[in-house]
Amino acid sequence: MKALPNILTSLRLVLTLFVFLALATAAGAVPYVSEQLTPETQFALQRWAFWSFVIAAVTDFFDGWLARKLDAVTVWGAILDPIGDKVLVCGAILGLLAMGGQPAVVLPAGLMLFREFTVSALREVGAGKGIKLPVTMLAKWKTTLQLTALAAELLVASWGAFGLPPEPAIERPVTLFAHGLMWLATIVTLITGAQYWEQTRKALVGK
């Protein structure tokens, strides 16, 4: 049972790869394979990608909770968990962009990726100098907001795949909600990035 948290984290990594490949294939970005797809198969891939993303996002909560509940916190799990989070977010963003996501998504998605890579670099540099950057409560909320916003954007991008009516009175409010949530997640993402940057700067100055 104590291996379950790490199994869930590993599952998240596998599901992330599937989400990206499914969306890229449905969008026509995979040579030879995409060309053979029927519209029905493309829609099916979009639906599977969406639900795989949702399942992967749910494991983000349960792996940490189970690790604490089962007293199964390990060094390997502590390494895999943040990697799984970042890979899931980046994979969903790249898949969304491959589908030709709406222009309103491009800027916040790019800012999210910029922050994730920057903080990863800060952690790597800091680790080499003995500096630790503990995860803050706001950063945990950031991940939740990111995953919720990306799920909403994936739903909007796959609207037709779910057979939802293309009525502006329904689709437009959902789209605006998804975009608003995406920007909220982006703002919180940038704030946490600035906080980590400042923590690292102060730690380096103090050395």
N, C-alpha and C. Protein backbone atom coordinates (compact mmCIF):
# COMPACT_ATOMS: atom_id res chain seq x y z
N MET A 1 0.82 -1.22 0.00
CA MET A 1 0.00 0.00 0.00
C MET A 1 0.86 1.27 0.00
N LYS A 2 2.04 1.21 0.62
CA LYS A 2 2.87 2.39 0.72
C LYS A 2 3.43 2.82 -0.64
N ALA A 3 3.38 1.93 -1.60
CA ALA A 3 3.86 2.28 -2.94
C ALA A 3 2.78 2.99 -3.76
N LEU A 4 1.53 3.01 -3.25
CA LEU A 4 0.42 3.57 -4.01
C LEU A 4 0.61 5.03 -4.39
N PRO A 5 1.08 5.90 -3.49
CA PRO A 5 1.28 7.31 -3.89
C PRO A 5 2.21 7.46 -5.09
N ASN A 6 3.32 6.73 -5.07
CA ASN A 6 4.26 6.83 -6.19
C ASN A 6 3.69 6.23 -7.46
N ILE A 7 2.85 5.20 -7.31
CA ILE A 7 2.18 4.62 -8.48
C ILE A 7 1.24 5.64 -9.12
N LEU A 8 0.50 6.39 -8.28
CA LEU A 8 -0.41 7.41 -8.79
C LEU A 8 0.37 8.53 -9.50
N THR A 9 1.50 8.90 -8.91
CA THR A 9 2.32 9.95 -9.53
C THR A 9 2.85 9.48 -10.88
N SER A 10 3.30 8.24 -10.94
CA SER A 10 3.79 7.68 -12.21
C SER A 10 2.66 7.60 -13.23
N LEU A 11 1.46 7.25 -12.75
CA LEU A 11 0.29 7.20 -13.63
C LEU A 11 0.02 8.58 -14.22
N ARG A 12 0.21 9.61 -13.41
CA ARG A 12 -0.01 10.98 -13.90
C ARG A 12 0.94 11.31 -15.05
N LEU A 13 2.17 10.86 -14.94
CA LEU A 13 3.14 11.10 -16.02
C LEU A 13 2.73 10.38 -17.31
N VAL A 14 2.26 9.13 -17.16
CA VAL A 14 1.84 8.35 -18.33
C VAL A 14 0.61 8.99 -18.98
N LEU A 15 -0.35 9.40 -18.15
CA LEU A 15 -1.57 10.02 -18.67
C LEU A 15 -1.25 11.34 -19.37
N THR A 16 -0.27 12.08 -18.82
CA THR A 16 0.12 13.34 -19.44
C THR A 16 0.65 13.12 -20.85
N LEU A 17 1.48 12.10 -21.01
CA LEU A 17 2.01 11.78 -22.33
C LEU A 17 0.88 11.43 -23.29
N PHE A 18 -0.11 10.67 -22.79
CA PHE A 18 -1.25 10.30 -23.63
C PHE A 18 -2.06 11.53 -24.01
N VAL A 19 -2.29 12.44 -23.05
CA VAL A 19 -3.06 13.65 -23.32
C VAL A 19 -2.42 14.45 -24.45
N PHE A 20 -1.12 14.65 -24.35
CA PHE A 20 -0.43 15.43 -25.39
C PHE A 20 -0.49 14.73 -26.74
N LEU A 21 -0.17 13.43 -26.76
CA LEU A 21 -0.15 12.71 -28.03
C LEU A 21 -1.54 12.63 -28.65
N ALA A 22 -2.56 12.44 -27.83
CA ALA A 22 -3.93 12.35 -28.34
C ALA A 22 -4.36 13.68 -28.95
N LEU A 23 -4.08 14.79 -28.26
CA LEU A 23 -4.47 16.10 -28.78
C LEU A 23 -3.67 16.46 -30.02
N ALA A 24 -2.37 16.15 -30.01
CA ALA A 24 -1.53 16.45 -31.17
C ALA A 24 -1.98 15.63 -32.38
N THR A 25 -2.33 14.37 -32.14
CA THR A 25 -2.79 13.51 -33.23
C THR A 25 -4.12 14.00 -33.79
N ALA A 26 -5.04 14.34 -32.89
CA ALA A 26 -6.35 14.84 -33.32
C ALA A 26 -6.23 16.15 -34.09
N ALA A 27 -5.19 16.93 -33.75
CA ALA A 27 -5.00 18.22 -34.42
C ALA A 27 -4.28 18.09 -35.75
N GLY A 28 -3.84 16.87 -36.08
CA GLY A 28 -3.17 16.66 -37.36
C GLY A 28 -1.68 16.88 -37.32
N ALA A 29 -1.10 16.86 -36.10
CA ALA A 29 0.32 17.16 -35.96
C ALA A 29 1.22 15.94 -36.02
N VAL A 30 0.64 14.75 -36.11
CA VAL A 30 1.45 13.52 -36.17
C VAL A 30 1.45 13.00 -37.61
N PRO A 31 2.60 13.04 -38.27
CA PRO A 31 2.66 12.62 -39.68
C PRO A 31 2.14 11.20 -39.89
N TYR A 32 1.49 10.99 -41.00
CA TYR A 32 0.96 9.69 -41.44
C TYR A 32 -0.23 9.22 -40.59
N VAL A 33 -0.10 9.31 -39.27
CA VAL A 33 -1.18 8.82 -38.40
C VAL A 33 -2.38 9.75 -38.48
N SER A 34 -2.15 11.04 -38.27
CA SER A 34 -3.25 12.00 -38.26
C SER A 34 -4.01 12.02 -39.59
N GLU A 35 -3.26 11.77 -40.68
CA GLU A 35 -3.89 11.82 -42.00
C GLU A 35 -4.92 10.71 -42.21
N GLN A 36 -4.80 9.64 -41.44
CA GLN A 36 -5.70 8.50 -41.61
C GLN A 36 -6.95 8.59 -40.72
N LEU A 37 -7.00 9.60 -39.86
CA LEU A 37 -8.09 9.68 -38.89
C LEU A 37 -9.38 10.19 -39.52
N THR A 38 -10.48 9.62 -39.10
CA THR A 38 -11.79 10.11 -39.48
C THR A 38 -12.20 11.18 -38.46
N PRO A 39 -13.16 12.04 -38.80
CA PRO A 39 -13.62 13.05 -37.84
C PRO A 39 -14.10 12.41 -36.53
N GLU A 40 -14.74 11.26 -36.62
CA GLU A 40 -15.22 10.58 -35.41
C GLU A 40 -14.06 10.17 -34.51
N THR A 41 -12.98 9.69 -35.11
CA THR A 41 -11.80 9.28 -34.33
C THR A 41 -11.13 10.50 -33.72
N GLN A 42 -11.09 11.58 -34.46
CA GLN A 42 -10.50 12.82 -33.92
C GLN A 42 -11.28 13.29 -32.70
N PHE A 43 -12.59 13.26 -32.80
CA PHE A 43 -13.43 13.65 -31.67
C PHE A 43 -13.23 12.71 -30.48
N ALA A 44 -13.09 11.42 -30.77
CA ALA A 44 -12.88 10.44 -29.71
C ALA A 44 -11.56 10.70 -28.98
N LEU A 45 -10.51 11.02 -29.74
CA LEU A 45 -9.22 11.33 -29.14
C LEU A 45 -9.31 12.56 -28.24
N GLN A 46 -10.05 13.55 -28.67
CA GLN A 46 -10.21 14.76 -27.87
C GLN A 46 -10.94 14.45 -26.56
N ARG A 47 -11.97 13.60 -26.65
CA ARG A 47 -12.71 13.23 -25.43
C ARG A 47 -11.82 12.42 -24.49
N TRP A 48 -11.08 11.45 -25.01
CA TRP A 48 -10.20 10.64 -24.18
C TRP A 48 -9.12 11.51 -23.54
N ALA A 49 -8.60 12.46 -24.30
CA ALA A 49 -7.57 13.35 -23.77
C ALA A 49 -8.13 14.19 -22.62
N PHE A 50 -9.34 14.68 -22.79
CA PHE A 50 -9.95 15.50 -21.73
C PHE A 50 -10.13 14.69 -20.45
N TRP A 51 -10.71 13.51 -20.56
CA TRP A 51 -10.95 12.70 -19.35
C TRP A 51 -9.65 12.19 -18.75
N SER A 52 -8.67 11.91 -19.58
CA SER A 52 -7.36 11.51 -19.06
C SER A 52 -6.72 12.64 -18.28
N PHE A 53 -6.90 13.86 -18.78
CA PHE A 53 -6.37 15.03 -18.07
C PHE A 53 -7.06 15.19 -16.72
N VAL A 54 -8.37 15.02 -16.70
CA VAL A 54 -9.12 15.15 -15.44
C VAL A 54 -8.65 14.11 -14.43
N ILE A 55 -8.50 12.86 -14.88
CA ILE A 55 -8.04 11.80 -13.98
C ILE A 55 -6.64 12.11 -13.46
N ALA A 56 -5.76 12.56 -14.36
CA ALA A 56 -4.39 12.90 -13.97
C ALA A 56 -4.39 14.04 -12.95
N ALA A 57 -5.26 15.03 -13.16
CA ALA A 57 -5.35 16.16 -12.23
C ALA A 57 -5.82 15.71 -10.85
N VAL A 58 -6.75 14.77 -10.81
CA VAL A 58 -7.26 14.25 -9.53
C VAL A 58 -6.17 13.51 -8.77
N THR A 59 -5.32 12.78 -9.50
CA THR A 59 -4.23 12.06 -8.83
C THR A 59 -3.26 13.02 -8.16
N ASP A 60 -3.21 14.27 -8.63
CA ASP A 60 -2.32 15.26 -8.03
C ASP A 60 -2.70 15.51 -6.57
N PHE A 61 -3.98 15.42 -6.27
CA PHE A 61 -4.42 15.58 -4.88
C PHE A 61 -4.20 14.31 -4.08
N PHE A 62 -4.59 13.19 -4.67
CA PHE A 62 -4.60 11.95 -3.90
C PHE A 62 -3.21 11.38 -3.61
N ASP A 63 -2.23 11.60 -4.50
CA ASP A 63 -0.92 11.00 -4.22
C ASP A 63 -0.28 11.62 -2.98
N GLY A 64 -0.38 12.95 -2.86
CA GLY A 64 0.17 13.62 -1.68
C GLY A 64 -0.60 13.28 -0.43
N TRP A 65 -1.92 13.24 -0.55
CA TRP A 65 -2.77 12.93 0.62
C TRP A 65 -2.51 11.51 1.11
N LEU A 66 -2.41 10.57 0.18
CA LEU A 66 -2.16 9.19 0.56
C LEU A 66 -0.76 9.01 1.16
N ALA A 67 0.21 9.75 0.61
CA ALA A 67 1.58 9.65 1.14
C ALA A 67 1.61 10.05 2.60
N ARG A 68 0.88 11.10 2.95
CA ARG A 68 0.83 11.53 4.36
C ARG A 68 -0.01 10.57 5.20
N LYS A 69 -1.12 10.11 4.64
CA LYS A 69 -2.03 9.23 5.37
C LYS A 69 -1.39 7.89 5.67
N LEU A 70 -0.63 7.35 4.71
CA LEU A 70 -0.01 6.04 4.87
C LEU A 70 1.40 6.13 5.43
N ASP A 71 1.81 7.36 5.77
CA ASP A 71 3.18 7.59 6.24
C ASP A 71 4.17 7.01 5.23
N ALA A 72 3.93 7.36 3.96
CA ALA A 72 4.73 6.80 2.86
C ALA A 72 5.44 7.90 2.08
N VAL A 73 5.80 9.00 2.78
CA VAL A 73 6.52 10.08 2.12
C VAL A 73 7.95 9.62 1.85
N THR A 74 8.36 9.65 0.58
CA THR A 74 9.70 9.19 0.21
C THR A 74 10.42 10.28 -0.59
N VAL A 75 11.74 10.15 -0.67
CA VAL A 75 12.53 11.10 -1.45
C VAL A 75 12.13 11.02 -2.92
N TRP A 76 11.94 9.78 -3.41
CA TRP A 76 11.55 9.58 -4.80
C TRP A 76 10.20 10.24 -5.09
N GLY A 77 9.27 10.09 -4.15
CA GLY A 77 7.95 10.71 -4.32
C GLY A 77 8.04 12.22 -4.29
N ALA A 78 8.90 12.76 -3.40
CA ALA A 78 9.07 14.22 -3.32
C ALA A 78 9.66 14.78 -4.60
N ILE A 79 10.46 13.98 -5.30
CA ILE A 79 11.04 14.41 -6.57
C ILE A 79 10.01 14.29 -7.70
N LEU A 80 9.30 13.16 -7.73
CA LEU A 80 8.36 12.89 -8.82
C LEU A 80 7.15 13.81 -8.80
N ASP A 81 6.64 14.14 -7.61
CA ASP A 81 5.38 14.88 -7.51
C ASP A 81 5.44 16.24 -8.21
N PRO A 82 6.41 17.11 -7.89
CA PRO A 82 6.45 18.40 -8.60
C PRO A 82 6.74 18.25 -10.09
N ILE A 83 7.53 17.22 -10.44
CA ILE A 83 7.79 16.98 -11.87
C ILE A 83 6.48 16.61 -12.56
N GLY A 84 5.69 15.73 -11.91
CA GLY A 84 4.41 15.32 -12.47
C GLY A 84 3.47 16.50 -12.67
N ASP A 85 3.47 17.44 -11.70
CA ASP A 85 2.62 18.63 -11.81
C ASP A 85 3.01 19.47 -13.03
N LYS A 86 4.31 19.75 -13.13
CA LYS A 86 4.78 20.63 -14.21
C LYS A 86 4.60 19.97 -15.58
N VAL A 87 4.88 18.68 -15.66
CA VAL A 87 4.73 17.97 -16.93
C VAL A 87 3.26 17.95 -17.36
N LEU A 88 2.36 17.77 -16.39
CA LEU A 88 0.93 17.75 -16.70
C LEU A 88 0.48 19.09 -17.25
N VAL A 89 0.88 20.17 -16.58
CA VAL A 89 0.50 21.52 -17.02
C VAL A 89 1.09 21.81 -18.40
N CYS A 90 2.39 21.55 -18.56
CA CYS A 90 3.05 21.84 -19.84
C CYS A 90 2.50 20.97 -20.98
N GLY A 91 2.24 19.69 -20.68
CA GLY A 91 1.70 18.80 -21.70
C GLY A 91 0.33 19.24 -22.17
N ALA A 92 -0.52 19.66 -21.21
CA ALA A 92 -1.87 20.12 -21.57
C ALA A 92 -1.80 21.41 -22.39
N ILE A 93 -0.90 22.32 -22.00
CA ILE A 93 -0.77 23.58 -22.74
C ILE A 93 -0.31 23.32 -24.17
N LEU A 94 0.71 22.49 -24.33
CA LEU A 94 1.21 22.18 -25.68
C LEU A 94 0.15 21.48 -26.52
N GLY A 95 -0.60 20.58 -25.90
CA GLY A 95 -1.68 19.90 -26.62
C GLY A 95 -2.77 20.87 -27.03
N LEU A 96 -3.08 21.79 -26.12
CA LEU A 96 -4.10 22.80 -26.39
C LEU A 96 -3.67 23.70 -27.55
N LEU A 97 -2.41 24.11 -27.54
CA LEU A 97 -1.90 24.96 -28.61
C LEU A 97 -1.83 24.20 -29.93
N ALA A 98 -1.52 22.91 -29.86
CA ALA A 98 -1.48 22.09 -31.08
C ALA A 98 -2.85 22.02 -31.74
N MET A 99 -3.89 22.08 -30.92
CA MET A 99 -5.25 22.04 -31.44
C MET A 99 -5.66 23.37 -32.07
N GLY A 100 -4.77 24.35 -31.97
CA GLY A 100 -5.12 25.67 -32.49
C GLY A 100 -6.01 26.40 -31.53
N GLY A 101 -5.62 26.35 -30.24
CA GLY A 101 -6.40 27.02 -29.20
C GLY A 101 -6.67 28.47 -29.55
N GLN A 102 -7.70 29.04 -28.99
CA GLN A 102 -8.10 30.40 -29.30
C GLN A 102 -6.97 31.38 -28.98
N PRO A 103 -6.85 32.46 -29.76
CA PRO A 103 -5.77 33.43 -29.54
C PRO A 103 -5.71 33.95 -28.10
N ALA A 104 -6.85 34.02 -27.44
CA ALA A 104 -6.88 34.52 -26.07
C ALA A 104 -6.12 33.62 -25.10
N VAL A 105 -5.86 32.38 -25.51
CA VAL A 105 -5.18 31.42 -24.64
C VAL A 105 -3.67 31.47 -24.80
N VAL A 106 -3.20 31.94 -25.96
CA VAL A 106 -1.77 31.87 -26.28
C VAL A 106 -0.91 32.62 -25.28
N LEU A 107 -1.26 33.88 -24.97
CA LEU A 107 -0.44 34.69 -24.07
C LEU A 107 -0.38 34.11 -22.66
N PRO A 108 -1.53 33.83 -22.01
CA PRO A 108 -1.44 33.26 -20.66
C PRO A 108 -0.75 31.91 -20.64
N ALA A 109 -0.97 31.10 -21.67
CA ALA A 109 -0.31 29.79 -21.73
C ALA A 109 1.20 29.96 -21.82
N GLY A 110 1.66 30.91 -22.65
CA GLY A 110 3.08 31.18 -22.77
C GLY A 110 3.68 31.68 -21.48
N LEU A 111 2.97 32.54 -20.77
CA LEU A 111 3.46 33.06 -19.48
C LEU A 111 3.56 31.95 -18.45
N MET A 112 2.61 31.03 -18.47
CA MET A 112 2.66 29.89 -17.55
C MET A 112 3.91 29.05 -17.81
N LEU A 113 4.16 28.75 -19.09
CA LEU A 113 5.33 27.95 -19.44
C LEU A 113 6.62 28.67 -19.04
N PHE A 114 6.67 29.97 -19.28
CA PHE A 114 7.84 30.76 -18.92
C PHE A 114 8.12 30.66 -17.43
N ARG A 115 7.08 30.79 -16.63
CA ARG A 115 7.25 30.71 -15.17
C ARG A 115 7.71 29.33 -14.73
N GLU A 116 7.09 28.29 -15.28
CA GLU A 116 7.42 26.93 -14.86
C GLU A 116 8.89 26.60 -15.15
N PHE A 117 9.36 26.97 -16.33
CA PHE A 117 10.75 26.69 -16.68
C PHE A 117 11.71 27.54 -15.85
N THR A 118 11.31 28.78 -15.56
CA THR A 118 12.15 29.67 -14.77
C THR A 118 12.31 29.14 -13.34
N VAL A 119 11.20 28.75 -12.72
CA VAL A 119 11.26 28.25 -11.35
C VAL A 119 12.04 26.93 -11.29
N SER A 120 11.87 26.09 -12.30
CA SER A 120 12.63 24.84 -12.34
C SER A 120 14.13 25.13 -12.39
N ALA A 121 14.50 26.13 -13.19
CA ALA A 121 15.91 26.52 -13.28
C ALA A 121 16.40 27.08 -11.95
N LEU A 122 15.57 27.89 -11.29
CA LEU A 122 15.94 28.43 -9.98
C LEU A 122 16.18 27.32 -8.96
N ARG A 123 15.29 26.33 -8.97
CA ARG A 123 15.44 25.21 -8.04
C ARG A 123 16.74 24.45 -8.31
N GLU A 124 17.05 24.26 -9.59
CA GLU A 124 18.26 23.52 -9.95
C GLU A 124 19.51 24.26 -9.51
N VAL A 125 19.53 25.57 -9.80
CA VAL A 125 20.68 26.39 -9.40
C VAL A 125 20.79 26.46 -7.88
N GLY A 126 19.62 26.67 -7.24
CA GLY A 126 19.62 26.76 -5.78
C GLY A 126 20.07 25.48 -5.12
N ALA A 127 19.65 24.35 -5.66
CA ALA A 127 20.03 23.06 -5.07
C ALA A 127 21.54 22.88 -5.10
N GLY A 128 22.17 23.37 -6.17
CA GLY A 128 23.62 23.25 -6.27
C GLY A 128 24.35 24.09 -5.24
N LYS A 129 23.66 25.08 -4.68
CA LYS A 129 24.27 25.95 -3.67
C LYS A 129 23.66 25.73 -2.28
N GLY A 130 22.91 24.62 -2.16
CA GLY A 130 22.32 24.28 -0.86
C GLY A 130 21.11 25.11 -0.49
N ILE A 131 20.47 25.72 -1.47
CA ILE A 131 19.30 26.56 -1.21
C ILE A 131 18.03 25.76 -1.53
N LYS A 132 17.12 25.71 -0.58
CA LYS A 132 15.87 25.01 -0.79
C LYS A 132 14.73 26.02 -0.95
N LEU A 133 13.84 25.71 -1.89
CA LEU A 133 12.67 26.56 -2.11
C LEU A 133 11.42 25.76 -1.78
N PRO A 134 10.98 25.79 -0.52
CA PRO A 134 9.80 25.02 -0.13
C PRO A 134 8.54 25.50 -0.85
N VAL A 135 7.66 24.57 -1.12
CA VAL A 135 6.40 24.90 -1.81
C VAL A 135 5.50 25.70 -0.88
N THR A 136 5.05 26.85 -1.32
CA THR A 136 4.19 27.69 -0.50
C THR A 136 2.72 27.29 -0.68
N MET A 137 1.88 27.76 0.23
CA MET A 137 0.45 27.48 0.11
C MET A 137 -0.13 28.11 -1.15
N LEU A 138 0.34 29.32 -1.49
CA LEU A 138 -0.16 29.97 -2.71
C LEU A 138 0.24 29.17 -3.94
N ALA A 139 1.43 28.56 -3.90
CA ALA A 139 1.88 27.74 -5.04
C ALA A 139 1.00 26.51 -5.20
N LYS A 140 0.52 25.96 -4.08
CA LYS A 140 -0.38 24.81 -4.15
C LYS A 140 -1.71 25.22 -4.79
N TRP A 141 -2.19 26.41 -4.41
CA TRP A 141 -3.42 26.91 -5.00
C TRP A 141 -3.20 27.23 -6.48
N LYS A 142 -1.99 27.66 -6.79
CA LYS A 142 -1.64 27.94 -8.18
C LYS A 142 -1.82 26.70 -9.05
N THR A 143 -1.33 25.57 -8.56
CA THR A 143 -1.45 24.33 -9.33
C THR A 143 -2.92 23.95 -9.52
N THR A 144 -3.71 24.10 -8.45
CA THR A 144 -5.14 23.79 -8.55
C THR A 144 -5.82 24.69 -9.58
N LEU A 145 -5.50 25.98 -9.55
CA LEU A 145 -6.08 26.91 -10.51
C LEU A 145 -5.66 26.58 -11.94
N GLN A 146 -4.37 26.25 -12.11
CA GLN A 146 -3.88 25.90 -13.44
C GLN A 146 -4.63 24.70 -14.01
N LEU A 147 -4.75 23.65 -13.21
CA LEU A 147 -5.39 22.43 -13.69
C LEU A 147 -6.87 22.66 -13.98
N THR A 148 -7.55 23.45 -13.14
CA THR A 148 -8.96 23.74 -13.36
C THR A 148 -9.15 24.58 -14.63
N ALA A 149 -8.29 25.58 -14.80
CA ALA A 149 -8.38 26.45 -15.98
C ALA A 149 -8.10 25.67 -17.26
N LEU A 150 -7.09 24.82 -17.22
CA LEU A 150 -6.75 24.04 -18.41
C LEU A 150 -7.85 23.03 -18.76
N ALA A 151 -8.48 22.46 -17.73
CA ALA A 151 -9.60 21.55 -17.99
C ALA A 151 -10.74 22.31 -18.68
N ALA A 152 -11.00 23.54 -18.22
CA ALA A 152 -12.05 24.35 -18.83
C ALA A 152 -11.70 24.70 -20.28
N GLU A 153 -10.43 25.04 -20.53
CA GLU A 153 -10.00 25.39 -21.89
C GLU A 153 -10.05 24.17 -22.81
N LEU A 154 -9.69 23.00 -22.28
CA LEU A 154 -9.76 21.78 -23.09
C LEU A 154 -11.21 21.45 -23.45
N LEU A 155 -12.11 21.71 -22.52
CA LEU A 155 -13.53 21.47 -22.80
C LEU A 155 -14.01 22.40 -23.91
N VAL A 156 -13.62 23.67 -23.83
CA VAL A 156 -14.02 24.63 -24.87
C VAL A 156 -13.43 24.24 -26.22
N ALA A 157 -12.15 23.85 -26.22
CA ALA A 157 -11.49 23.47 -27.47
C ALA A 157 -12.08 22.20 -28.07
N SER A 158 -12.66 21.35 -27.20
CA SER A 158 -13.24 20.08 -27.67
C SER A 158 -14.77 20.13 -27.66
N TRP A 159 -15.31 21.31 -27.76
CA TRP A 159 -16.76 21.51 -27.64
C TRP A 159 -17.54 20.58 -28.57
N GLY A 160 -17.15 20.54 -29.82
CA GLY A 160 -17.87 19.71 -30.79
C GLY A 160 -17.70 18.23 -30.53
N ALA A 161 -16.55 17.84 -29.96
CA ALA A 161 -16.30 16.43 -29.70
C ALA A 161 -17.27 15.85 -28.68
N PHE A 162 -17.78 16.71 -27.80
CA PHE A 162 -18.74 16.25 -26.78
C PHE A 162 -20.18 16.39 -27.24
N GLY A 163 -20.36 16.82 -28.48
CA GLY A 163 -21.71 16.97 -29.01
C GLY A 163 -22.48 18.11 -28.39
N LEU A 164 -21.77 19.10 -27.83
CA LEU A 164 -22.43 20.24 -27.20
C LEU A 164 -22.95 21.19 -28.27
N PRO A 165 -24.08 21.82 -28.04
CA PRO A 165 -24.69 22.68 -29.05
C PRO A 165 -23.84 23.92 -29.32
N PRO A 166 -23.60 24.22 -30.61
CA PRO A 166 -22.80 25.41 -30.96
C PRO A 166 -23.61 26.69 -30.88
N GLU A 167 -24.30 26.88 -29.78
CA GLU A 167 -25.14 28.06 -29.60
C GLU A 167 -24.35 29.13 -28.85
N PRO A 168 -24.20 30.32 -29.41
CA PRO A 168 -23.44 31.40 -28.76
C PRO A 168 -23.93 31.68 -27.34
N ALA A 169 -25.25 31.56 -27.10
CA ALA A 169 -25.80 31.86 -25.79
C ALA A 169 -25.26 30.91 -24.72
N ILE A 170 -24.81 29.71 -25.13
CA ILE A 170 -24.26 28.74 -24.18
C ILE A 170 -22.74 28.71 -24.26
N GLU A 171 -22.23 28.64 -25.47
CA GLU A 171 -20.79 28.47 -25.66
C GLU A 171 -20.00 29.72 -25.24
N ARG A 172 -20.52 30.89 -25.53
CA ARG A 172 -19.78 32.12 -25.23
C ARG A 172 -19.54 32.32 -23.73
N PRO A 173 -20.58 32.18 -22.87
CA PRO A 173 -20.32 32.35 -21.43
C PRO A 173 -19.32 31.32 -20.89
N VAL A 174 -19.39 30.08 -21.39
CA VAL A 174 -18.44 29.05 -20.95
C VAL A 174 -17.03 29.41 -21.39
N THR A 175 -16.91 29.91 -22.62
CA THR A 175 -15.60 30.30 -23.15
C THR A 175 -15.02 31.46 -22.34
N LEU A 176 -15.84 32.47 -22.05
CA LEU A 176 -15.39 33.62 -21.27
C LEU A 176 -14.97 33.19 -19.86
N PHE A 177 -15.72 32.26 -19.29
CA PHE A 177 -15.37 31.75 -17.95
C PHE A 177 -14.02 31.05 -17.99
N ALA A 178 -13.81 30.21 -19.02
CA ALA A 178 -12.55 29.48 -19.16
C ALA A 178 -11.38 30.45 -19.33
N HIS A 179 -11.56 31.47 -20.18
CA HIS A 179 -10.50 32.45 -20.40
C HIS A 179 -10.21 33.24 -19.12
N GLY A 180 -11.27 33.62 -18.41
CA GLY A 180 -11.08 34.37 -17.16
C GLY A 180 -10.33 33.54 -16.13
N LEU A 181 -10.68 32.27 -16.04
CA LEU A 181 -10.01 31.37 -15.11
C LEU A 181 -8.55 31.18 -15.50
N MET A 182 -8.30 31.12 -16.82
CA MET A 182 -6.93 30.97 -17.32
C MET A 182 -6.08 32.17 -16.93
N TRP A 183 -6.63 33.36 -17.06
CA TRP A 183 -5.88 34.55 -16.69
C TRP A 183 -5.68 34.64 -15.18
N LEU A 184 -6.68 34.25 -14.41
CA LEU A 184 -6.52 34.24 -12.95
C LEU A 184 -5.39 33.30 -12.55
N ALA A 185 -5.39 32.11 -13.15
CA ALA A 185 -4.33 31.14 -12.87
C ALA A 185 -2.97 31.69 -13.27
N THR A 186 -2.93 32.41 -14.39
CA THR A 186 -1.67 32.98 -14.88
C THR A 186 -1.14 34.04 -13.92
N ILE A 187 -2.03 34.89 -13.44
CA ILE A 187 -1.62 35.95 -12.50
C ILE A 187 -1.04 35.34 -11.23
N VAL A 188 -1.74 34.35 -10.67
CA VAL A 188 -1.24 33.68 -9.46
C VAL A 188 0.07 32.96 -9.75
N THR A 189 0.17 32.38 -10.95
CA THR A 189 1.40 31.69 -11.36
C THR A 189 2.58 32.65 -11.38
N LEU A 190 2.38 33.84 -11.94
CA LEU A 190 3.45 34.83 -12.02
C LEU A 190 3.82 35.37 -10.64
N ILE A 191 2.82 35.53 -9.78
CA ILE A 191 3.09 36.01 -8.41
C ILE A 191 3.97 35.01 -7.67
N THR A 192 3.63 33.73 -7.77
CA THR A 192 4.44 32.71 -7.08
C THR A 192 5.84 32.63 -7.69
N GLY A 193 5.94 32.83 -9.01
CA GLY A 193 7.25 32.84 -9.64
C GLY A 193 8.11 33.97 -9.10
N ALA A 194 7.50 35.17 -8.93
CA ALA A 194 8.22 36.32 -8.39
C ALA A 194 8.65 36.05 -6.94
N GLN A 195 7.79 35.37 -6.18
CA GLN A 195 8.13 35.03 -4.80
C GLN A 195 9.34 34.10 -4.74
N TYR A 196 9.35 33.07 -5.58
CA TYR A 196 10.48 32.14 -5.60
C TYR A 196 11.76 32.85 -6.05
N TRP A 197 11.62 33.75 -7.02
CA TRP A 197 12.78 34.50 -7.49
C TRP A 197 13.38 35.33 -6.35
N GLU A 198 12.51 36.00 -5.59
CA GLU A 198 12.97 36.84 -4.48
C GLU A 198 13.60 35.99 -3.37
N GLN A 199 13.00 34.83 -3.09
CA GLN A 199 13.58 33.92 -2.09
C GLN A 199 14.98 33.50 -2.49
N THR A 200 15.14 33.15 -3.76
CA THR A 200 16.44 32.72 -4.25
C THR A 200 17.45 33.86 -4.20
N ARG A 201 17.04 35.05 -4.59
CA ARG A 201 17.93 36.21 -4.58
C ARG A 201 18.43 36.51 -3.18
N LYS A 202 17.50 36.51 -2.20
CA LYS A 202 17.88 36.79 -0.82
C LYS A 202 18.82 35.72 -0.28
N ALA A 203 18.53 34.47 -0.64
CA ALA A 203 19.38 33.36 -0.16
C ALA A 203 20.78 33.46 -0.74
N LEU A 204 20.89 33.86 -2.01
CA LEU A 204 22.20 33.96 -2.66
C LEU A 204 22.97 35.16 -2.10
N VAL A 205 22.28 36.27 -1.82
CA VAL A 205 22.93 37.44 -1.26
C VAL A 205 23.47 37.16 0.13
N GLY A 206 22.73 36.30 0.87
CA GLY A 206 23.13 35.98 2.24
C GLY A 206 24.29 35.01 2.33
N LYS A 207 24.69 34.45 1.21
CA LYS A 207 25.77 33.45 1.24
C LYS A 207 27.15 34.10 1.05
